[in-house]
């Protein structure tokens, strides 16, 4: 997710491009509508990038927690296997 957020940041829409559509290049109403839409889209884009960055942090934290749990389980299993001794059934006591 962090890579996705970084890639989105690289493809970000630059608001200065809207200056090319200003009067006299286009009708003032069209230029205004484009600017309003462009600013809204830019804000939504920034929100999406921030959300993806925050989610990637949460996913990484959760993955670290699972890794620690897996390592603890592996340690316990290794301890059990290395500290245990096998006794044939006829030598076991109740």
PDB file of N, CA and C in Angstrom:
ATOM      1  N   UNK A   1       0.809  -1.184   0.000  1.00  0.00           N
ATOM      2  CA  UNK A   1       0.000   0.000   0.000  1.00  0.00           C
ATOM      3  C   UNK A   1       0.859   1.257   0.000  1.00  0.00           C
ATOM      4  N   UNK A   2       1.962   1.168   0.726  1.00  0.00           N
ATOM      5  CA  UNK A   2       2.829   2.348   0.768  1.00  0.00           C
ATOM      6  C   UNK A   2       3.365   2.647  -0.627  1.00  0.00           C
ATOM      7  N   UNK A   3       3.700   1.588  -1.387  1.00  0.00           N
ATOM      8  CA  UNK A   3       4.175   1.789  -2.753  1.00  0.00           C
ATOM      9  C   UNK A   3       3.085   2.403  -3.617  1.00  0.00           C
ATOM     10  N   UNK A   4       1.844   1.957  -3.410  1.00  0.00           N
ATOM     11  CA  UNK A   4       0.726   2.517  -4.165  1.00  0.00           C
ATOM     12  C   UNK A   4       0.561   3.999  -3.855  1.00  0.00           C
ATOM     13  N   UNK A   5       0.650   4.358  -2.591  1.00  0.00           N
ATOM     14  CA  UNK A   5       0.548   5.769  -2.211  1.00  0.00           C
ATOM     15  C   UNK A   5       1.683   6.580  -2.832  1.00  0.00           C
ATOM     16  N   UNK A   6       2.878   6.007  -2.844  1.00  0.00           N
ATOM     17  CA  UNK A   6       4.023   6.705  -3.444  1.00  0.00           C
ATOM     18  C   UNK A   6       3.820   6.876  -4.948  1.00  0.00           C
ATOM     19  N   UNK A   7       3.318   5.822  -5.613  1.00  0.00           N
ATOM     20  CA  UNK A   7       3.068   5.909  -7.048  1.00  0.00           C
ATOM     21  C   UNK A   7       1.978   6.923  -7.361  1.00  0.00           C
ATOM     22  N   UNK A   8       0.957   6.978  -6.524  1.00  0.00           N
ATOM     23  CA  UNK A   8      -0.090   7.975  -6.726  1.00  0.00           C
ATOM     24  C   UNK A   8       0.467   9.381  -6.567  1.00  0.00           C
ATOM     25  N   UNK A   9       1.358   9.558  -5.612  1.00  0.00           N
ATOM     26  CA  UNK A   9       1.958  10.871  -5.393  1.00  0.00           C
ATOM     27  C   UNK A   9       2.739  11.302  -6.630  1.00  0.00           C
ATOM     28  N   UNK A  10       3.402  10.357  -7.284  1.00  0.00           N
ATOM     29  CA  UNK A  10       4.184  10.687  -8.476  1.00  0.00           C
ATOM     30  C   UNK A  10       3.285  11.110  -9.630  1.00  0.00           C
ATOM     31  N   UNK A  11       2.059  10.594  -9.691  1.00  0.00           N
ATOM     32  CA  UNK A  11       1.143  10.931 -10.777  1.00  0.00           C
ATOM     33  C   UNK A  11       0.150  12.009 -10.400  1.00  0.00           C
ATOM     34  N   UNK A  12       0.465  12.787  -9.423  1.00  0.00           N
ATOM     35  CA  UNK A  12      -0.431  13.809  -8.888  1.00  0.00           C
ATOM     36  C   UNK A  12      -0.783  14.863  -9.938  1.00  0.00           C
ATOM     37  N   UNK A  13      -2.046  15.280  -9.909  1.00  0.00           N
ATOM     38  CA  UNK A  13      -2.518  16.356 -10.778  1.00  0.00           C
ATOM     39  C   UNK A  13      -2.044  17.690 -10.209  1.00  0.00           C
ATOM     40  N   UNK A  14      -1.375  18.474 -11.019  1.00  0.00           N
ATOM     41  CA  UNK A  14      -0.864  19.768 -10.565  1.00  0.00           C
ATOM     42  C   UNK A  14      -1.872  20.862 -10.871  1.00  0.00           C
ATOM     43  N   UNK A  15      -2.195  21.634  -9.854  1.00  0.00           N
ATOM     44  CA  UNK A  15      -3.197  22.689 -10.014  1.00  0.00           C
ATOM     45  C   UNK A  15      -2.745  23.793 -10.966  1.00  0.00           C
ATOM     46  N   UNK A  16      -1.444  23.957 -11.148  1.00  0.00           N
ATOM     47  CA  UNK A  16      -0.985  25.023 -12.044  1.00  0.00           C
ATOM     48  C   UNK A  16      -1.436  24.769 -13.479  1.00  0.00           C
ATOM     49  N   UNK A  17      -1.772  23.527 -13.817  1.00  0.00           N
ATOM     50  CA  UNK A  17      -2.273  23.226 -15.158  1.00  0.00           C
ATOM     51  C   UNK A  17      -3.593  23.933 -15.438  1.00  0.00           C
ATOM     52  N   UNK A  18      -4.347  24.218 -14.380  1.00  0.00           N
ATOM     53  CA  UNK A  18      -5.617  24.918 -14.565  1.00  0.00           C
ATOM     54  C   UNK A  18      -5.404  26.354 -15.030  1.00  0.00           C
ATOM     55  N   UNK A  19      -4.235  26.900 -14.784  1.00  0.00           N
ATOM     56  CA  UNK A  19      -3.947  28.264 -15.242  1.00  0.00           C
ATOM     57  C   UNK A  19      -3.980  28.355 -16.762  1.00  0.00           C
ATOM     58  N   UNK A  20      -3.681  27.266 -17.441  1.00  0.00           N
ATOM     59  CA  UNK A  20      -3.692  27.267 -18.900  1.00  0.00           C
ATOM     60  C   UNK A  20      -5.114  27.388 -19.447  1.00  0.00           C
ATOM     61  N   UNK A  21      -6.101  27.013 -18.629  1.00  0.00           N
ATOM     62  CA  UNK A  21      -7.490  27.077 -19.080  1.00  0.00           C
ATOM     63  C   UNK A  21      -8.179  28.365 -18.647  1.00  0.00           C
ATOM     64  N   UNK A  22      -7.448  29.265 -18.004  1.00  0.00           N
ATOM     65  CA  UNK A  22      -8.037  30.534 -17.564  1.00  0.00           C
ATOM     66  C   UNK A  22      -8.381  31.421 -18.756  1.00  0.00           C
ATOM     67  N   UNK A  23      -9.143  32.465 -18.442  1.00  0.00           N
ATOM     68  CA  UNK A  23      -9.491  33.477 -19.429  1.00  0.00           C
ATOM     69  C   UNK A  23      -8.194  34.091 -19.958  1.00  0.00           C
ATOM     70  N   UNK A  24      -7.945  34.295 -21.186  1.00  0.00           N
ATOM     71  CA  UNK A  24      -8.813  34.244 -22.349  1.00  0.00           C
ATOM     72  C   UNK A  24      -8.784  32.915 -23.086  1.00  0.00           C
ATOM     73  N   UNK A  25      -8.056  31.905 -22.574  1.00  0.00           N
ATOM     74  CA  UNK A  25      -7.985  30.623 -23.278  1.00  0.00           C
ATOM     75  C   UNK A  25      -9.345  29.936 -23.326  1.00  0.00           C
ATOM     76  N   UNK A  26     -10.187  30.166 -22.334  1.00  0.00           N
ATOM     77  CA  UNK A  26     -11.532  29.590 -22.338  1.00  0.00           C
ATOM     78  C   UNK A  26     -12.495  30.587 -21.705  1.00  0.00           C
ATOM     79  N   UNK A  27     -13.750  30.312 -21.843  1.00  0.00           N
ATOM     80  CA  UNK A  27     -14.787  31.184 -21.279  1.00  0.00           C
ATOM     81  C   UNK A  27     -14.606  31.239 -19.759  1.00  0.00           C
ATOM     82  N   UNK A  28     -14.824  32.405 -19.133  1.00  0.00           N
ATOM     83  CA  UNK A  28     -14.623  32.526 -17.684  1.00  0.00           C
ATOM     84  C   UNK A  28     -15.445  31.525 -16.869  1.00  0.00           C
ATOM     85  N   UNK A  29     -16.674  31.221 -17.307  1.00  0.00           N
ATOM     86  CA  UNK A  29     -17.487  30.245 -16.577  1.00  0.00           C
ATOM     87  C   UNK A  29     -16.882  28.846 -16.662  1.00  0.00           C
ATOM     88  N   UNK A  30     -16.367  28.525 -17.840  1.00  0.00           N
ATOM     89  CA  UNK A  30     -15.725  27.216 -18.023  1.00  0.00           C
ATOM     90  C   UNK A  30     -14.453  27.144 -17.181  1.00  0.00           C
ATOM     91  N   UNK A  31     -13.674  28.210 -17.201  1.00  0.00           N
ATOM     92  CA  UNK A  31     -12.436  28.238 -16.413  1.00  0.00           C
ATOM     93  C   UNK A  31     -12.745  28.091 -14.926  1.00  0.00           C
ATOM     94  N   UNK A  32     -13.802  28.781 -14.460  1.00  0.00           N
ATOM     95  CA  UNK A  32     -14.183  28.686 -13.047  1.00  0.00           C
ATOM     96  C   UNK A  32     -14.632  27.260 -12.696  1.00  0.00           C
ATOM     97  N   UNK A  33     -15.462  26.672 -13.555  1.00  0.00           N
ATOM     98  CA  UNK A  33     -15.942  25.306 -13.305  1.00  0.00           C
ATOM     99  C   UNK A  33     -14.774  24.319 -13.286  1.00  0.00           C
ATOM    100  N   UNK A  34     -13.833  24.511 -14.196  1.00  0.00           N
ATOM    101  CA  UNK A  34     -12.666  23.620 -14.221  1.00  0.00           C
ATOM    102  C   UNK A  34     -11.828  23.782 -12.959  1.00  0.00           C
ATOM    103  N   UNK A  35     -11.678  25.029 -12.495  1.00  0.00           N
ATOM    104  CA  UNK A  35     -10.880  25.261 -11.291  1.00  0.00           C
ATOM    105  C   UNK A  35     -11.552  24.638 -10.072  1.00  0.00           C
ATOM    106  N   UNK A  36     -12.870  24.821  -9.945  1.00  0.00           N
ATOM    107  CA  UNK A  36     -13.596  24.240  -8.810  1.00  0.00           C
ATOM    108  C   UNK A  36     -13.464  22.725  -8.832  1.00  0.00           C
ATOM    109  N   UNK A  37     -13.682  22.124 -10.010  1.00  0.00           N
ATOM    110  CA  UNK A  37     -13.563  20.670 -10.111  1.00  0.00           C
ATOM    111  C   UNK A  37     -12.126  20.217  -9.853  1.00  0.00           C
ATOM    112  N   UNK A  38     -11.153  20.923 -10.421  1.00  0.00           N
ATOM    113  CA  UNK A  38      -9.747  20.552 -10.239  1.00  0.00           C
ATOM    114  C   UNK A  38      -9.315  20.622  -8.785  1.00  0.00           C
ATOM    115  N   UNK A  39      -9.749  21.661  -8.073  1.00  0.00           N
ATOM    116  CA  UNK A  39      -9.396  21.779  -6.657  1.00  0.00           C
ATOM    117  C   UNK A  39     -10.062  20.692  -5.826  1.00  0.00           C
ATOM    118  N   UNK A  40     -11.320  20.377  -6.164  1.00  0.00           N
ATOM    119  CA  UNK A  40     -12.010  19.296  -5.463  1.00  0.00           C
ATOM    120  C   UNK A  40     -11.301  17.966  -5.713  1.00  0.00           C
ATOM    121  N   UNK A  41     -10.989  17.697  -6.978  1.00  0.00           N
ATOM    122  CA  UNK A  41     -10.304  16.443  -7.322  1.00  0.00           C
ATOM    123  C   UNK A  41      -8.939  16.373  -6.643  1.00  0.00           C
ATOM    124  N   UNK A  42      -8.245  17.496  -6.597  1.00  0.00           N
ATOM    125  CA  UNK A  42      -6.927  17.536  -5.952  1.00  0.00           C
ATOM    126  C   UNK A  42      -7.050  17.218  -4.457  1.00  0.00           C
ATOM    127  N   UNK A  43      -8.053  17.793  -3.802  1.00  0.00           N
ATOM    128  CA  UNK A  43      -8.278  17.516  -2.376  1.00  0.00           C
ATOM    129  C   UNK A  43      -8.619  16.049  -2.148  1.00  0.00           C
ATOM    130  N   UNK A  44      -9.475  15.490  -3.003  1.00  0.00           N
ATOM    131  CA  UNK A  44      -9.832  14.082  -2.877  1.00  0.00           C
ATOM    132  C   UNK A  44      -8.609  13.192  -3.087  1.00  0.00           C
ATOM    133  N   UNK A  45      -7.791  13.573  -4.034  1.00  0.00           N
ATOM    134  CA  UNK A  45      -6.566  12.832  -4.322  1.00  0.00           C
ATOM    135  C   UNK A  45      -5.637  12.839  -3.107  1.00  0.00           C
ATOM    136  N   UNK A  46      -5.449  14.016  -2.508  1.00  0.00           N
ATOM    137  CA  UNK A  46      -4.597  14.117  -1.327  1.00  0.00           C
ATOM    138  C   UNK A  46      -5.148  13.272  -0.183  1.00  0.00           C
ATOM    139  N   UNK A  47      -6.465  13.269  -0.029  1.00  0.00           N
ATOM    140  CA  UNK A  47      -7.085  12.445   1.015  1.00  0.00           C
ATOM    141  C   UNK A  47      -6.835  10.963   0.762  1.00  0.00           C
ATOM    142  N   UNK A  48      -6.944  10.536  -0.501  1.00  0.00           N
ATOM    143  CA  UNK A  48      -6.717   9.125  -0.834  1.00  0.00           C
ATOM    144  C   UNK A  48      -5.271   8.725  -0.554  1.00  0.00           C
ATOM    145  N   UNK A  49      -4.327   9.577  -0.897  1.00  0.00           N
ATOM    146  CA  UNK A  49      -2.910   9.285  -0.644  1.00  0.00           C
ATOM    147  C   UNK A  49      -2.647   9.193   0.856  1.00  0.00           C
ATOM    148  N   UNK A  50      -3.219  10.127   1.623  1.00  0.00           N
ATOM    149  CA  UNK A  50      -3.035  10.100   3.081  1.00  0.00           C
ATOM    150  C   UNK A  50      -3.657   8.844   3.683  1.00  0.00           C
ATOM    151  N   UNK A  51      -4.827   8.462   3.190  1.00  0.00           N
ATOM    152  CA  UNK A  51      -5.490   7.254   3.684  1.00  0.00           C
ATOM    153  C   UNK A  51      -4.663   6.012   3.381  1.00  0.00           C
ATOM    154  N   UNK A  52      -4.153   5.901   2.170  1.00  0.00           N
ATOM    155  CA  UNK A  52      -3.333   4.740   1.815  1.00  0.00           C
ATOM    156  C   UNK A  52      -2.049   4.686   2.642  1.00  0.00           C
ATOM    157  N   UNK A  53      -1.449   5.830   2.884  1.00  0.00           N
ATOM    158  CA  UNK A  53      -0.235   5.855   3.716  1.00  0.00           C
ATOM    159  C   UNK A  53      -0.553   5.417   5.141  1.00  0.00           C
ATOM    160  N   UNK A  54      -1.685   5.891   5.683  1.00  0.00           N
ATOM    161  CA  UNK A  54      -2.076   5.496   7.042  1.00  0.00           C
ATOM    162  C   UNK A  54      -2.401   4.010   7.104  1.00  0.00           C
ATOM    163  N   UNK A  55      -3.098   3.507   6.091  1.00  0.00           N
ATOM    164  CA  UNK A  55      -3.426   2.080   6.069  1.00  0.00           C
ATOM    165  C   UNK A  55      -2.172   1.224   5.967  1.00  0.00           C
ATOM    166  N   UNK A  56      -1.198   1.675   5.195  1.00  0.00           N
ATOM    167  CA  UNK A  56       0.028   0.883   5.068  1.00  0.00           C
ATOM    168  C   UNK A  56       0.754   0.799   6.403  1.00  0.00           C
ATOM    169  N   UNK A  57       0.696   1.875   7.186  1.00  0.00           N
ATOM    170  CA  UNK A  57       1.309   1.862   8.514  1.00  0.00           C
ATOM    171  C   UNK A  57       0.602   0.862   9.411  1.00  0.00           C
ATOM    172  N   UNK A  58      -0.738   0.840   9.355  1.00  0.00           N
ATOM    173  CA  UNK A  58      -1.508  -0.095  10.180  1.00  0.00           C
ATOM    174  C   UNK A  58      -1.248  -1.544   9.748  1.00  0.00           C
ATOM    175  N   UNK A  59      -1.172  -1.781   8.449  1.00  0.00           N
ATOM    176  CA  UNK A  59      -0.910  -3.136   7.957  1.00  0.00           C
ATOM    177  C   UNK A  59       0.473  -3.586   8.397  1.00  0.00           C
ATOM    178  N   UNK A  60       1.448  -2.689   8.317  1.00  0.00           N
ATOM    179  CA  UNK A  60       2.812  -3.046   8.748  1.00  0.00           C
ATOM    180  C   UNK A  60       2.837  -3.364  10.235  1.00  0.00           C
ATOM    181  N   UNK A  61       2.139  -2.574  11.046  1.00  0.00           N
ATOM    182  CA  UNK A  61       2.095  -2.829  12.490  1.00  0.00           C
ATOM    183  C   UNK A  61       1.438  -4.175  12.775  1.00  0.00           C
ATOM    184  N   UNK A  62       0.361  -4.487  12.063  1.00  0.00           N
ATOM    185  CA  UNK A  62      -0.311  -5.772  12.259  1.00  0.00           C
ATOM    186  C   UNK A  62       0.595  -6.921  11.825  1.00  0.00           C
ATOM    187  N   UNK A  63       1.298  -6.740  10.718  1.00  0.00           N
ATOM    188  CA  UNK A  63       2.208  -7.786  10.238  1.00  0.00           C
ATOM    189  C   UNK A  63       3.332  -8.028  11.239  1.00  0.00           C
ATOM    190  N   UNK A  64       3.841  -6.962  11.835  1.00  0.00           N
ATOM    191  CA  UNK A  64       4.890  -7.119  12.852  1.00  0.00           C
ATOM    192  C   UNK A  64       4.364  -7.906  14.049  1.00  0.00           C
ATOM    193  N   UNK A  65       3.121  -7.643  14.444  1.00  0.00           N
ATOM    194  CA  UNK A  65       2.511  -8.388  15.551  1.00  0.00           C
ATOM    195  C   UNK A  65       2.384  -9.865  15.231  1.00  0.00           C
ATOM    196  N   UNK A  66       1.944 -10.177  14.014  1.00  0.00           N
ATOM    197  CA  UNK A  66       1.836 -11.580  13.615  1.00  0.00           C
ATOM    198  C   UNK A  66       3.206 -12.238  13.563  1.00  0.00           C
ATOM    199  N   UNK A  67       4.200 -11.504  13.091  1.00  0.00           N
ATOM    200  CA  UNK A  67       5.547 -12.066  13.024  1.00  0.00           C
ATOM    201  C   UNK A  67       6.059 -12.404  14.418  1.00  0.00           C
ATOM    202  N   UNK A  68       5.832 -11.526  15.381  1.00  0.00           N
ATOM    203  CA  UNK A  68       6.269 -11.794  16.751  1.00  0.00           C
ATOM    204  C   UNK A  68       5.545 -13.006  17.315  1.00  0.00           C
ATOM    205  N   UNK A  69       4.250 -13.137  17.020  1.00  0.00           N
ATOM    206  CA  UNK A  69       3.486 -14.298  17.480  1.00  0.00           C
ATOM    207  C   UNK A  69       4.025 -15.570  16.847  1.00  0.00           C
ATOM    208  N   UNK A  70       4.308 -15.525  15.540  1.00  0.00           N
ATOM    209  CA  UNK A  70       4.867 -16.690  14.855  1.00  0.00           C
ATOM    210  C   UNK A  70       6.224 -17.072  15.432  1.00  0.00           C
ATOM    211  N   UNK A  71       7.055 -16.082  15.719  1.00  0.00           N
ATOM    212  CA  UNK A  71       8.374 -16.372  16.289  1.00  0.00           C
ATOM    213  C   UNK A  71       8.240 -16.998  17.674  1.00  0.00           C
ATOM    214  N   UNK A  72       7.298 -16.510  18.474  1.00  0.00           N
ATOM    215  CA  UNK A  72       7.087 -17.081  19.810  1.00  0.00           C
ATOM    216  C   UNK A  72       6.595 -18.520  19.692  1.00  0.00           C
ATOM    217  N   UNK A  73       5.702 -18.775  18.764  1.00  0.00           N
ATOM    218  CA  UNK A  73       5.221 -20.144  18.546  1.00  0.00           C
ATOM    219  C   UNK A  73       6.335 -21.063  18.080  1.00  0.00           C
ATOM    220  N   UNK A  74       7.173 -20.568  17.192  1.00  0.00           N
ATOM    221  CA  UNK A  74       8.305 -21.366  16.710  1.00  0.00           C
ATOM    222  C   UNK A  74       9.283 -21.654  17.843  1.00  0.00           C
ATOM    223  N   UNK A  75       9.532 -20.652  18.699  1.00  0.00           N
ATOM    224  CA  UNK A  75      10.422 -20.869  19.850  1.00  0.00           C
ATOM    225  C   UNK A  75       9.854 -21.934  20.780  1.00  0.00           C
ATOM    226  N   UNK A  76       8.559 -21.835  21.077  1.00  0.00           N
ATOM    227  CA  UNK A  76       7.930 -22.813  21.969  1.00  0.00           C
ATOM    228  C   UNK A  76       7.996 -24.217  21.380  1.00  0.00           C
ATOM    229  N   UNK A  77       7.739 -24.329  20.085  1.00  0.00           N
ATOM    230  CA  UNK A  77       7.783 -25.644  19.438  1.00  0.00           C
ATOM    231  C   UNK A  77       9.207 -26.188  19.438  1.00  0.00           C
ATOM    232  N   UNK A  78      10.182 -25.347  19.162  1.00  0.00           N
ATOM    233  CA  UNK A  78      11.580 -25.784  19.180  1.00  0.00           C
ATOM    234  C   UNK A  78      11.989 -26.237  20.573  1.00  0.00           C
ATOM    235  N   UNK A  79      11.595 -25.481  21.584  1.00  0.00           N
ATOM    236  CA  UNK A  79      11.894 -25.861  22.968  1.00  0.00           C
ATOM    237  C   UNK A  79      11.255 -27.196  23.300  1.00  0.00           C
ATOM    238  N   UNK A  80      10.017 -27.375  22.922  1.00  0.00           N
ATOM    239  CA  UNK A  80       9.323 -28.633  23.189  1.00  0.00           C
ATOM    240  C   UNK A  80      10.036 -29.798  22.511  1.00  0.00           C
ATOM    241  N   UNK A  81      10.410 -29.615  21.245  1.00  0.00           N
ATOM    242  CA  UNK A  81      11.041 -30.708  20.505  1.00  0.00           C
ATOM    243  C   UNK A  81      12.457 -31.001  20.994  1.00  0.00           C
ATOM    244  N   UNK A  82      13.209 -29.978  21.341  1.00  0.00           N
ATOM    245  CA  UNK A  82      14.598 -30.215  21.756  1.00  0.00           C
ATOM    246  C   UNK A  82      14.706 -30.663  23.209  1.00  0.00           C
ATOM    247  N   UNK A  83      13.756 -30.291  24.049  1.00  0.00           N
ATOM    248  CA  UNK A  83      13.813 -30.667  25.462  1.00  0.00           C
ATOM    249  C   UNK A  83      13.029 -31.938  25.772  1.00  0.00           C
ATOM    250  N   UNK A  84      12.387 -32.512  24.786  1.00  0.00           N
ATOM    251  CA  UNK A  84      11.600 -33.726  25.010  1.00  0.00           C
ATOM    252  C   UNK A  84      12.447 -34.957  24.712  1.00  0.00           C
ATOM    253  N   UNK A  85      12.091 -36.028  25.348  1.00  0.00           N
ATOM    254  CA  UNK A  85      12.743 -37.306  25.050  1.00  0.00           C
ATOM    255  C   UNK A  85      11.665 -38.309  24.684  1.00  0.00           C
ATOM    256  N   UNK A  86      11.996 -39.167  23.748  1.00  0.00           N
ATOM    257  CA  UNK A  86      11.050 -40.181  23.311  1.00  0.00           C
ATOM    258  C   UNK A  86      11.188 -41.414  24.188  1.00  0.00           C
ATOM    259  N   UNK A  87      10.064 -41.910  24.641  1.00  0.00           N
ATOM    260  CA  UNK A  87      10.035 -43.159  25.400  1.00  0.00           C
ATOM    261  C   UNK A  87       9.092 -44.112  24.690  1.00  0.00           C
ATOM    262  N   UNK A  88       9.559 -45.291  24.413  1.00  0.00           N
ATOM    263  CA  UNK A  88       8.670 -46.278  23.806  1.00  0.00           C
ATOM    264  C   UNK A  88       7.470 -46.533  24.718  1.00  0.00           C
ATOM    265  N   UNK A  89       6.404 -47.003  24.157  1.00  0.00           N
ATOM    266  CA  UNK A  89       5.152 -47.193  24.898  1.00  0.00           C
ATOM    267  C   UNK A  89       5.328 -48.128  26.093  1.00  0.00           C
ATOM    268  N   UNK A  90       6.143 -49.160  25.965  1.00  0.00           N
ATOM    269  CA  UNK A  90       6.293 -50.112  27.072  1.00  0.00           C
ATOM    270  C   UNK A  90       7.134 -49.548  28.224  1.00  0.00           C
ATOM    271  N   UNK A  91       7.789 -48.405  28.020  1.00  0.00           N
ATOM    272  CA  UNK A  91       8.590 -47.799  29.085  1.00  0.00           C
ATOM    273  C   UNK A  91       7.911 -46.592  29.729  1.00  0.00           C
ATOM    274  N   UNK A  92       6.748 -46.273  29.268  1.00  0.00           N
ATOM    275  CA  UNK A  92       6.037 -45.110  29.818  1.00  0.00           C
ATOM    276  C   UNK A  92       5.332 -45.482  31.108  1.00  0.00           C
ATOM    277  N   UNK A  93       5.284 -44.529  32.009  1.00  0.00           N
ATOM    278  CA  UNK A  93       4.541 -44.740  33.255  1.00  0.00           C
ATOM    279  C   UNK A  93       3.305 -43.863  33.228  1.00  0.00           C
ATOM    280  N   UNK A  94       2.371 -44.262  34.026  1.00  0.00           N
ATOM    281  CA  UNK A  94       1.131 -43.474  34.053  1.00  0.00           C
ATOM    282  C   UNK A  94       1.218 -42.359  34.999  1.00  0.00           C
TER     283      UNK A  94
END
